[in-house]
């Protein structure tokens, strides 16, 4: 059985989680459309965990059952306003 996770709301570029954690996926949309990148780390210098482009009124959902361990946190960049969450265990 996979461990539970908690949704962390996201609306723009920023650090989603600080400290050791497990990345378990995301549900993110954008009214205007946006390029989104999720990183392992607390800045855009970390390893890329996910990268995708949303069309106007687009939505993307990904589940990672076993998760990916992140040593220092999770960071997200977006080129426009977004709404949704990143799941963290």
PDB file of N, CA and C in Angstrom:
ATOM      1  N   UNK A   1       0.837  -1.182   0.000  1.00  0.00           N
ATOM      2  CA  UNK A   1       0.000   0.000   0.000  1.00  0.00           C
ATOM      3  C   UNK A   1       0.880   1.242   0.000  1.00  0.00           C
ATOM      4  N   UNK A   2       0.529   2.200  -0.812  1.00  0.00           N
ATOM      5  CA  UNK A   2       1.278   3.437  -0.935  1.00  0.00           C
ATOM      6  C   UNK A   2       0.953   4.374   0.230  1.00  0.00           C
ATOM      7  N   UNK A   3       1.961   5.080   0.718  1.00  0.00           N
ATOM      8  CA  UNK A   3       1.756   6.047   1.789  1.00  0.00           C
ATOM      9  C   UNK A   3       0.902   7.210   1.300  1.00  0.00           C
ATOM     10  N   UNK A   4       0.192   7.814   2.212  1.00  0.00           N
ATOM     11  CA  UNK A   4      -0.660   8.947   1.863  1.00  0.00           C
ATOM     12  C   UNK A   4       0.168  10.184   1.559  1.00  0.00           C
ATOM     13  N   UNK A   5      -0.486  11.137   0.902  1.00  0.00           N
ATOM     14  CA  UNK A   5       0.161  12.410   0.604  1.00  0.00           C
ATOM     15  C   UNK A   5      -0.811  13.536   0.930  1.00  0.00           C
ATOM     16  N   UNK A   6      -0.270  14.751   0.965  1.00  0.00           N
ATOM     17  CA  UNK A   6      -1.082  15.939   1.223  1.00  0.00           C
ATOM     18  C   UNK A   6      -0.961  16.884   0.040  1.00  0.00           C
ATOM     19  N   UNK A   7      -2.073  17.510  -0.378  1.00  0.00           N
ATOM     20  CA  UNK A   7      -1.992  18.491  -1.465  1.00  0.00           C
ATOM     21  C   UNK A   7      -1.469  19.823  -0.946  1.00  0.00           C
ATOM     22  N   UNK A   8      -0.545  20.406  -1.689  1.00  0.00           N
ATOM     23  CA  UNK A   8      -0.024  21.740  -1.368  1.00  0.00           C
ATOM     24  C   UNK A   8      -0.444  22.652  -2.517  1.00  0.00           C
ATOM     25  N   UNK A   9      -1.280  23.641  -2.221  1.00  0.00           N
ATOM     26  CA  UNK A   9      -1.802  24.546  -3.250  1.00  0.00           C
ATOM     27  C   UNK A   9      -0.690  25.324  -3.929  1.00  0.00           C
ATOM     28  N   UNK A  10      -0.845  25.515  -5.247  1.00  0.00           N
ATOM     29  CA  UNK A  10       0.098  26.317  -6.023  1.00  0.00           C
ATOM     30  C   UNK A  10      -0.680  27.302  -6.892  1.00  0.00           C
ATOM     31  N   UNK A  11      -0.110  28.497  -7.077  1.00  0.00           N
ATOM     32  CA  UNK A  11      -0.745  29.512  -7.909  1.00  0.00           C
ATOM     33  C   UNK A  11       0.260  30.233  -8.804  1.00  0.00           C
ATOM     34  N   UNK A  12       1.555  30.066  -8.518  1.00  0.00           N
ATOM     35  CA  UNK A  12       2.600  30.763  -9.270  1.00  0.00           C
ATOM     36  C   UNK A  12       3.945  30.138  -8.935  1.00  0.00           C
ATOM     37  N   UNK A  13       5.009  30.677  -9.497  1.00  0.00           N
ATOM     38  CA  UNK A  13       6.363  30.214  -9.211  1.00  0.00           C
ATOM     39  C   UNK A  13       6.653  30.317  -7.717  1.00  0.00           C
ATOM     40  N   UNK A  14       7.277  29.265  -7.161  1.00  0.00           N
ATOM     41  CA  UNK A  14       7.667  29.295  -5.761  1.00  0.00           C
ATOM     42  C   UNK A  14       8.043  27.925  -5.246  1.00  0.00           C
ATOM     43  N   UNK A  15       8.546  27.903  -4.017  1.00  0.00           N
ATOM     44  CA  UNK A  15       8.909  26.647  -3.374  1.00  0.00           C
ATOM     45  C   UNK A  15       7.655  26.023  -2.789  1.00  0.00           C
ATOM     46  N   UNK A  16       7.388  24.794  -3.175  1.00  0.00           N
ATOM     47  CA  UNK A  16       6.195  24.058  -2.740  1.00  0.00           C
ATOM     48  C   UNK A  16       6.420  23.453  -1.363  1.00  0.00           C
ATOM     49  N   UNK A  17       7.600  22.886  -1.141  1.00  0.00           N
ATOM     50  CA  UNK A  17       7.919  22.197   0.110  1.00  0.00           C
ATOM     51  C   UNK A  17       9.396  22.376   0.401  1.00  0.00           C
ATOM     52  N   UNK A  18       9.735  22.624   1.657  1.00  0.00           N
ATOM     53  CA  UNK A  18      11.128  22.714   2.085  1.00  0.00           C
ATOM     54  C   UNK A  18      11.430  21.527   2.980  1.00  0.00           C
ATOM     55  N   UNK A  19      12.550  20.890   2.762  1.00  0.00           N
ATOM     56  CA  UNK A  19      12.967  19.755   3.569  1.00  0.00           C
ATOM     57  C   UNK A  19      12.702  18.436   2.862  1.00  0.00           C
ATOM     58  N   UNK A  20      13.207  17.388   3.428  1.00  0.00           N
ATOM     59  CA  UNK A  20      13.055  16.051   2.873  1.00  0.00           C
ATOM     60  C   UNK A  20      11.579  15.685   2.739  1.00  0.00           C
ATOM     61  N   UNK A  21      11.190  15.146   1.578  1.00  0.00           N
ATOM     62  CA  UNK A  21       9.789  14.816   1.335  1.00  0.00           C
ATOM     63  C   UNK A  21       9.696  13.844   0.160  1.00  0.00           C
ATOM     64  N   UNK A  22       8.479  13.411  -0.124  1.00  0.00           N
ATOM     65  CA  UNK A  22       8.237  12.537  -1.266  1.00  0.00           C
ATOM     66  C   UNK A  22       7.276  13.234  -2.224  1.00  0.00           C
ATOM     67  N   UNK A  23       7.696  13.386  -3.466  1.00  0.00           N
ATOM     68  CA  UNK A  23       6.864  13.968  -4.529  1.00  0.00           C
ATOM     69  C   UNK A  23       5.961  12.866  -5.061  1.00  0.00           C
ATOM     70  N   UNK A  24       4.626  13.091  -5.036  1.00  0.00           N
ATOM     71  CA  UNK A  24       3.679  12.056  -5.443  1.00  0.00           C
ATOM     72  C   UNK A  24       2.792  12.457  -6.627  1.00  0.00           C
ATOM     73  N   UNK A  25       3.042  13.621  -7.224  1.00  0.00           N
ATOM     74  CA  UNK A  25       2.288  14.013  -8.404  1.00  0.00           C
ATOM     75  C   UNK A  25       1.701  15.404  -8.274  1.00  0.00           C
ATOM     76  N   UNK A  26       0.780  15.720  -9.184  1.00  0.00           N
ATOM     77  CA  UNK A  26       0.187  17.060  -9.211  1.00  0.00           C
ATOM     78  C   UNK A  26      -1.124  17.049  -9.972  1.00  0.00           C
ATOM     79  N   UNK A  27      -1.909  18.080  -9.741  1.00  0.00           N
ATOM     80  CA  UNK A  27      -3.103  18.427 -10.527  1.00  0.00           C
ATOM     81  C   UNK A  27      -3.041  19.930 -10.704  1.00  0.00           C
ATOM     82  N   UNK A  28      -2.758  20.383 -11.919  1.00  0.00           N
ATOM     83  CA  UNK A  28      -2.539  21.812 -12.173  1.00  0.00           C
ATOM     84  C   UNK A  28      -3.249  22.219 -13.452  1.00  0.00           C
ATOM     85  N   UNK A  29      -3.900  23.377 -13.412  1.00  0.00           N
ATOM     86  CA  UNK A  29      -4.548  23.942 -14.577  1.00  0.00           C
ATOM     87  C   UNK A  29      -4.166  25.405 -14.739  1.00  0.00           C
ATOM     88  N   UNK A  30      -4.531  25.985 -15.877  1.00  0.00           N
ATOM     89  CA  UNK A  30      -4.258  27.391 -16.138  1.00  0.00           C
ATOM     90  C   UNK A  30      -5.316  27.955 -17.076  1.00  0.00           C
ATOM     91  N   UNK A  31      -5.896  29.062 -16.706  1.00  0.00           N
ATOM     92  CA  UNK A  31      -6.876  29.724 -17.557  1.00  0.00           C
ATOM     93  C   UNK A  31      -6.212  30.282 -18.813  1.00  0.00           C
ATOM     94  N   UNK A  32      -5.043  30.908 -18.647  1.00  0.00           N
ATOM     95  CA  UNK A  32      -4.351  31.558 -19.765  1.00  0.00           C
ATOM     96  C   UNK A  32      -3.434  30.618 -20.539  1.00  0.00           C
ATOM     97  N   UNK A  33      -3.048  29.486 -19.918  1.00  0.00           N
ATOM     98  CA  UNK A  33      -2.021  28.619 -20.490  1.00  0.00           C
ATOM     99  C   UNK A  33      -0.694  28.951 -19.834  1.00  0.00           C
ATOM    100  N   UNK A  34       0.144  27.955 -19.612  1.00  0.00           N
ATOM    101  CA  UNK A  34       1.418  28.192 -18.932  1.00  0.00           C
ATOM    102  C   UNK A  34       2.369  27.034 -19.173  1.00  0.00           C
ATOM    103  N   UNK A  35       3.660  27.354 -19.158  1.00  0.00           N
ATOM    104  CA  UNK A  35       4.703  26.327 -19.121  1.00  0.00           C
ATOM    105  C   UNK A  35       5.039  26.119 -17.654  1.00  0.00           C
ATOM    106  N   UNK A  36       5.036  24.867 -17.203  1.00  0.00           N
ATOM    107  CA  UNK A  36       5.252  24.541 -15.794  1.00  0.00           C
ATOM    108  C   UNK A  36       6.405  23.553 -15.677  1.00  0.00           C
ATOM    109  N   UNK A  37       7.294  23.793 -14.718  1.00  0.00           N
ATOM    110  CA  UNK A  37       8.383  22.864 -14.427  1.00  0.00           C
ATOM    111  C   UNK A  37       8.412  22.649 -12.914  1.00  0.00           C
ATOM    112  N   UNK A  38       8.503  21.377 -12.503  1.00  0.00           N
ATOM    113  CA  UNK A  38       8.601  21.023 -11.089  1.00  0.00           C
ATOM    114  C   UNK A  38       9.984  20.431 -10.864  1.00  0.00           C
ATOM    115  N   UNK A  39      10.685  20.941  -9.840  1.00  0.00           N
ATOM    116  CA  UNK A  39      12.067  20.564  -9.571  1.00  0.00           C
ATOM    117  C   UNK A  39      12.231  19.865  -8.228  1.00  0.00           C
ATOM    118  N   UNK A  40      13.210  18.976  -8.153  1.00  0.00           N
ATOM    119  CA  UNK A  40      13.673  18.400  -6.900  1.00  0.00           C
ATOM    120  C   UNK A  40      14.661  19.416  -6.327  1.00  0.00           C
ATOM    121  N   UNK A  41      14.274  20.095  -5.258  1.00  0.00           N
ATOM    122  CA  UNK A  41      15.129  21.119  -4.661  1.00  0.00           C
ATOM    123  C   UNK A  41      14.304  22.339  -4.291  1.00  0.00           C
ATOM    124  N   UNK A  42      14.958  23.378  -3.843  1.00  0.00           N
ATOM    125  CA  UNK A  42      14.256  24.598  -3.427  1.00  0.00           C
ATOM    126  C   UNK A  42      14.477  25.759  -4.391  1.00  0.00           C
ATOM    127  N   UNK A  43      14.952  25.432  -5.600  1.00  0.00           N
ATOM    128  CA  UNK A  43      15.113  26.454  -6.640  1.00  0.00           C
ATOM    129  C   UNK A  43      15.042  25.778  -8.005  1.00  0.00           C
ATOM    130  N   UNK A  44      15.070  26.583  -9.032  1.00  0.00           N
ATOM    131  CA  UNK A  44      15.030  26.064 -10.403  1.00  0.00           C
ATOM    132  C   UNK A  44      16.364  25.465 -10.827  1.00  0.00           C
ATOM    133  N   UNK A  45      17.302  25.316  -9.904  1.00  0.00           N
ATOM    134  CA  UNK A  45      18.589  24.696 -10.204  1.00  0.00           C
ATOM    135  C   UNK A  45      18.566  23.194  -9.937  1.00  0.00           C
ATOM    136  N   UNK A  46      17.460  22.677  -9.389  1.00  0.00           N
ATOM    137  CA  UNK A  46      17.370  21.259  -9.053  1.00  0.00           C
ATOM    138  C   UNK A  46      17.087  20.378 -10.264  1.00  0.00           C
ATOM    139  N   UNK A  47      17.019  19.089 -10.013  1.00  0.00           N
ATOM    140  CA  UNK A  47      16.693  18.100 -11.046  1.00  0.00           C
ATOM    141  C   UNK A  47      15.223  18.236 -11.422  1.00  0.00           C
ATOM    142  N   UNK A  48      14.909  18.203 -12.709  1.00  0.00           N
ATOM    143  CA  UNK A  48      13.526  18.331 -13.166  1.00  0.00           C
ATOM    144  C   UNK A  48      12.765  17.040 -12.879  1.00  0.00           C
ATOM    145  N   UNK A  49      11.632  17.174 -12.187  1.00  0.00           N
ATOM    146  CA  UNK A  49      10.739  16.055 -11.902  1.00  0.00           C
ATOM    147  C   UNK A  49       9.617  15.958 -12.929  1.00  0.00           C
ATOM    148  N   UNK A  50       9.144  17.116 -13.399  1.00  0.00           N
ATOM    149  CA  UNK A  50       8.070  17.165 -14.400  1.00  0.00           C
ATOM    150  C   UNK A  50       8.179  18.475 -15.162  1.00  0.00           C
ATOM    151  N   UNK A  51       7.827  18.428 -16.442  1.00  0.00           N
ATOM    152  CA  UNK A  51       7.842  19.616 -17.282  1.00  0.00           C
ATOM    153  C   UNK A  51       6.727  19.461 -18.309  1.00  0.00           C
ATOM    154  N   UNK A  52       5.841  20.464 -18.392  1.00  0.00           N
ATOM    155  CA  UNK A  52       4.719  20.367 -19.322  1.00  0.00           C
ATOM    156  C   UNK A  52       4.209  21.754 -19.657  1.00  0.00           C
ATOM    157  N   UNK A  53       3.485  21.856 -20.760  1.00  0.00           N
ATOM    158  CA  UNK A  53       2.887  23.111 -21.186  1.00  0.00           C
ATOM    159  C   UNK A  53       1.375  22.942 -21.231  1.00  0.00           C
ATOM    160  N   UNK A  54       0.676  23.843 -20.581  1.00  0.00           N
ATOM    161  CA  UNK A  54      -0.785  23.832 -20.566  1.00  0.00           C
ATOM    162  C   UNK A  54      -1.305  24.809 -21.615  1.00  0.00           C
ATOM    163  N   UNK A  55      -2.265  24.379 -22.402  1.00  0.00           N
ATOM    164  CA  UNK A  55      -2.956  25.283 -23.331  1.00  0.00           C
ATOM    165  C   UNK A  55      -3.894  26.168 -22.518  1.00  0.00           C
ATOM    166  N   UNK A  56      -4.449  27.191 -23.133  1.00  0.00           N
ATOM    167  CA  UNK A  56      -5.454  28.017 -22.459  1.00  0.00           C
ATOM    168  C   UNK A  56      -6.578  27.108 -21.977  1.00  0.00           C
ATOM    169  N   UNK A  57      -6.984  27.275 -20.746  1.00  0.00           N
ATOM    170  CA  UNK A  57      -8.005  26.446 -20.087  1.00  0.00           C
ATOM    171  C   UNK A  57      -7.559  24.985 -19.984  1.00  0.00           C
ATOM    172  N   UNK A  58      -6.242  24.760 -20.002  1.00  0.00           N
ATOM    173  CA  UNK A  58      -5.699  23.406 -19.942  1.00  0.00           C
ATOM    174  C   UNK A  58      -5.545  22.885 -18.531  1.00  0.00           C
ATOM    175  N   UNK A  59      -5.440  21.564 -18.419  1.00  0.00           N
ATOM    176  CA  UNK A  59      -5.316  20.896 -17.122  1.00  0.00           C
ATOM    177  C   UNK A  59      -4.461  19.647 -17.291  1.00  0.00           C
ATOM    178  N   UNK A  60      -3.605  19.392 -16.315  1.00  0.00           N
ATOM    179  CA  UNK A  60      -2.746  18.202 -16.328  1.00  0.00           C
ATOM    180  C   UNK A  60      -2.800  17.551 -14.952  1.00  0.00           C
ATOM    181  N   UNK A  61      -2.889  16.220 -14.933  1.00  0.00           N
ATOM    182  CA  UNK A  61      -2.961  15.465 -13.681  1.00  0.00           C
ATOM    183  C   UNK A  61      -2.028  14.265 -13.789  1.00  0.00           C
ATOM    184  N   UNK A  62      -1.152  14.095 -12.790  1.00  0.00           N
ATOM    185  CA  UNK A  62      -0.225  12.964 -12.773  1.00  0.00           C
ATOM    186  C   UNK A  62      -0.172  12.397 -11.361  1.00  0.00           C
ATOM    187  N   UNK A  63      -0.274  11.060 -11.251  1.00  0.00           N
ATOM    188  CA  UNK A  63      -0.100  10.353  -9.981  1.00  0.00           C
ATOM    189  C   UNK A  63       1.175   9.536 -10.053  1.00  0.00           C
ATOM    190  N   UNK A  64       1.967   9.591  -8.994  1.00  0.00           N
ATOM    191  CA  UNK A  64       3.174   8.774  -8.893  1.00  0.00           C
ATOM    192  C   UNK A  64       2.995   7.908  -7.652  1.00  0.00           C
ATOM    193  N   UNK A  65       2.552   6.690  -7.855  1.00  0.00           N
ATOM    194  CA  UNK A  65       2.149   5.808  -6.759  1.00  0.00           C
ATOM    195  C   UNK A  65       3.239   5.629  -5.704  1.00  0.00           C
ATOM    196  N   UNK A  66       4.442   5.288  -6.113  1.00  0.00           N
ATOM    197  CA  UNK A  66       5.512   5.064  -5.142  1.00  0.00           C
ATOM    198  C   UNK A  66       6.229   6.353  -4.759  1.00  0.00           C
ATOM    199  N   UNK A  67       6.048   7.403  -5.521  1.00  0.00           N
ATOM    200  CA  UNK A  67       6.659   8.686  -5.227  1.00  0.00           C
ATOM    201  C   UNK A  67       8.143   8.736  -5.573  1.00  0.00           C
ATOM    202  N   UNK A  68       8.674   9.932  -5.512  1.00  0.00           N
ATOM    203  CA  UNK A  68      10.091  10.193  -5.744  1.00  0.00           C
ATOM    204  C   UNK A  68      10.618  10.963  -4.552  1.00  0.00           C
ATOM    205  N   UNK A  69      11.661  10.455  -3.930  1.00  0.00           N
ATOM    206  CA  UNK A  69      12.239  11.100  -2.756  1.00  0.00           C
ATOM    207  C   UNK A  69      12.969  12.377  -3.160  1.00  0.00           C
ATOM    208  N   UNK A  70      12.728  13.454  -2.435  1.00  0.00           N
ATOM    209  CA  UNK A  70      13.391  14.737  -2.661  1.00  0.00           C
ATOM    210  C   UNK A  70      14.110  15.112  -1.370  1.00  0.00           C
ATOM    211  N   UNK A  71      15.416  15.315  -1.440  1.00  0.00           N
ATOM    212  CA  UNK A  71      16.230  15.544  -0.240  1.00  0.00           C
ATOM    213  C   UNK A  71      16.025  16.915   0.391  1.00  0.00           C
ATOM    214  N   UNK A  72      15.862  17.956  -0.443  1.00  0.00           N
ATOM    215  CA  UNK A  72      15.796  19.311   0.125  1.00  0.00           C
ATOM    216  C   UNK A  72      14.467  20.019  -0.108  1.00  0.00           C
ATOM    217  N   UNK A  73      13.578  19.458  -0.930  1.00  0.00           N
ATOM    218  CA  UNK A  73      12.286  20.093  -1.163  1.00  0.00           C
ATOM    219  C   UNK A  73      11.819  19.971  -2.594  1.00  0.00           C
ATOM    220  N   UNK A  74      10.748  20.717  -2.895  1.00  0.00           N
ATOM    221  CA  UNK A  74      10.152  20.735  -4.236  1.00  0.00           C
ATOM    222  C   UNK A  74       9.903  22.196  -4.611  1.00  0.00           C
ATOM    223  N   UNK A  75      10.300  22.562  -5.821  1.00  0.00           N
ATOM    224  CA  UNK A  75      10.136  23.929  -6.321  1.00  0.00           C
ATOM    225  C   UNK A  75       9.389  23.878  -7.649  1.00  0.00           C
ATOM    226  N   UNK A  76       8.574  24.878  -7.927  1.00  0.00           N
ATOM    227  CA  UNK A  76       7.784  24.933  -9.156  1.00  0.00           C
ATOM    228  C   UNK A  76       7.968  26.288  -9.826  1.00  0.00           C
ATOM    229  N   UNK A  77       8.104  26.287 -11.158  1.00  0.00           N
ATOM    230  CA  UNK A  77       8.087  27.531 -11.919  1.00  0.00           C
ATOM    231  C   UNK A  77       6.921  27.473 -12.905  1.00  0.00           C
ATOM    232  N   UNK A  78       6.293  28.622 -13.138  1.00  0.00           N
ATOM    233  CA  UNK A  78       5.180  28.726 -14.087  1.00  0.00           C
ATOM    234  C   UNK A  78       5.273  30.062 -14.797  1.00  0.00           C
ATOM    235  N   UNK A  79       5.002  30.069 -16.108  1.00  0.00           N
ATOM    236  CA  UNK A  79       5.108  31.295 -16.897  1.00  0.00           C
ATOM    237  C   UNK A  79       3.852  32.153 -16.832  1.00  0.00           C
ATOM    238  N   UNK A  80       2.792  31.653 -16.200  1.00  0.00           N
ATOM    239  CA  UNK A  80       1.549  32.409 -16.023  1.00  0.00           C
ATOM    240  C   UNK A  80       0.862  31.884 -14.765  1.00  0.00           C
ATOM    241  N   UNK A  81      -0.230  32.504 -14.403  1.00  0.00           N
ATOM    242  CA  UNK A  81      -0.978  32.064 -13.224  1.00  0.00           C
ATOM    243  C   UNK A  81      -1.486  30.634 -13.412  1.00  0.00           C
ATOM    244  N   UNK A  82      -1.398  29.855 -12.369  1.00  0.00           N
ATOM    245  CA  UNK A  82      -1.899  28.476 -12.380  1.00  0.00           C
ATOM    246  C   UNK A  82      -2.783  28.278 -11.160  1.00  0.00           C
ATOM    247  N   UNK A  83      -3.500  27.173 -11.147  1.00  0.00           N
ATOM    248  CA  UNK A  83      -4.279  26.802  -9.968  1.00  0.00           C
ATOM    249  C   UNK A  83      -4.216  25.278  -9.846  1.00  0.00           C
ATOM    250  N   UNK A  84      -4.169  24.818  -8.614  1.00  0.00           N
ATOM    251  CA  UNK A  84      -4.121  23.387  -8.387  1.00  0.00           C
ATOM    252  C   UNK A  84      -3.241  23.057  -7.197  1.00  0.00           C
ATOM    253  N   UNK A  85      -2.646  21.850  -7.249  1.00  0.00           N
ATOM    254  CA  UNK A  85      -1.802  21.422  -6.144  1.00  0.00           C
ATOM    255  C   UNK A  85      -0.738  20.433  -6.591  1.00  0.00           C
ATOM    256  N   UNK A  86       0.305  20.354  -5.752  1.00  0.00           N
ATOM    257  CA  UNK A  86       1.342  19.334  -5.872  1.00  0.00           C
ATOM    258  C   UNK A  86       1.159  18.426  -4.660  1.00  0.00           C
ATOM    259  N   UNK A  87       1.197  17.096  -4.878  1.00  0.00           N
ATOM    260  CA  UNK A  87       1.025  16.163  -3.768  1.00  0.00           C
ATOM    261  C   UNK A  87       2.370  15.797  -3.168  1.00  0.00           C
ATOM    262  N   UNK A  88       2.462  15.959  -1.840  1.00  0.00           N
ATOM    263  CA  UNK A  88       3.696  15.752  -1.110  1.00  0.00           C
ATOM    264  C   UNK A  88       3.447  14.756   0.023  1.00  0.00           C
ATOM    265  N   UNK A  89       4.349  13.773   0.162  1.00  0.00           N
ATOM    266  CA  UNK A  89       4.239  12.791   1.243  1.00  0.00           C
ATOM    267  C   UNK A  89       5.298  12.999   2.279  1.00  0.00           C
TER     268      UNK A  89
END
